[in-house]
Amino acid sequence: MRAGSAIALCLFSFVCLSQCTPPTCYSRALSLSKEVMTLLDKIHTYHRTKTCAEVLPVIFLDVHNSCITTKLRDFLYVLMNHPSQYCRERPRIMLLKMKIQNLYSIITRICYRDLVFFTDDCEAIDTGHSRPHYAEDRLQLLQEER
């Protein structure tokens, strides 16, 4: 009976561990960007951090946009040099700073050359609206139809 329960325990632990896969650079960057956006939304709506969020620039993170590195760096600069000491010490602001530092580090160092950027529309990170970008072959087809 003891051997049977040991085998069942080993089998159960193997089944639990087999479904766990380590995150790839892409999946980690994508999930961290979603976490940052969720945290930013909380900071903008929470009554204790709402005044701190007024200084922060508007940002819409897209890990497929090549402008994300410069925008993250600029956003991190604003967070680190926030005019209010009270805001710099708020736990949510400190958590946001840590998450953005991690995301910036993942994109620029850990996953360097692993991520594929599909666009370089810097305005989309500021506004959340991306312009349609036609590839050369699509432009050629559009011109031929006219």
Foldseek 3Di string as FASTA:
>chain_A
DVVVVVVVVVVVVCVVVVVDDDDDLVRVLVVLLVVLVVLLVCLCPPPVNVVQNVQAAQFRDDLQAPCNLVVLVVRLVCLVVPPDPSNNPDPSSVVSSVSSVVSNCSDVPVCDVVHHHPYHPPVCGRPVDDDDDDDPVRVVVVVVVD
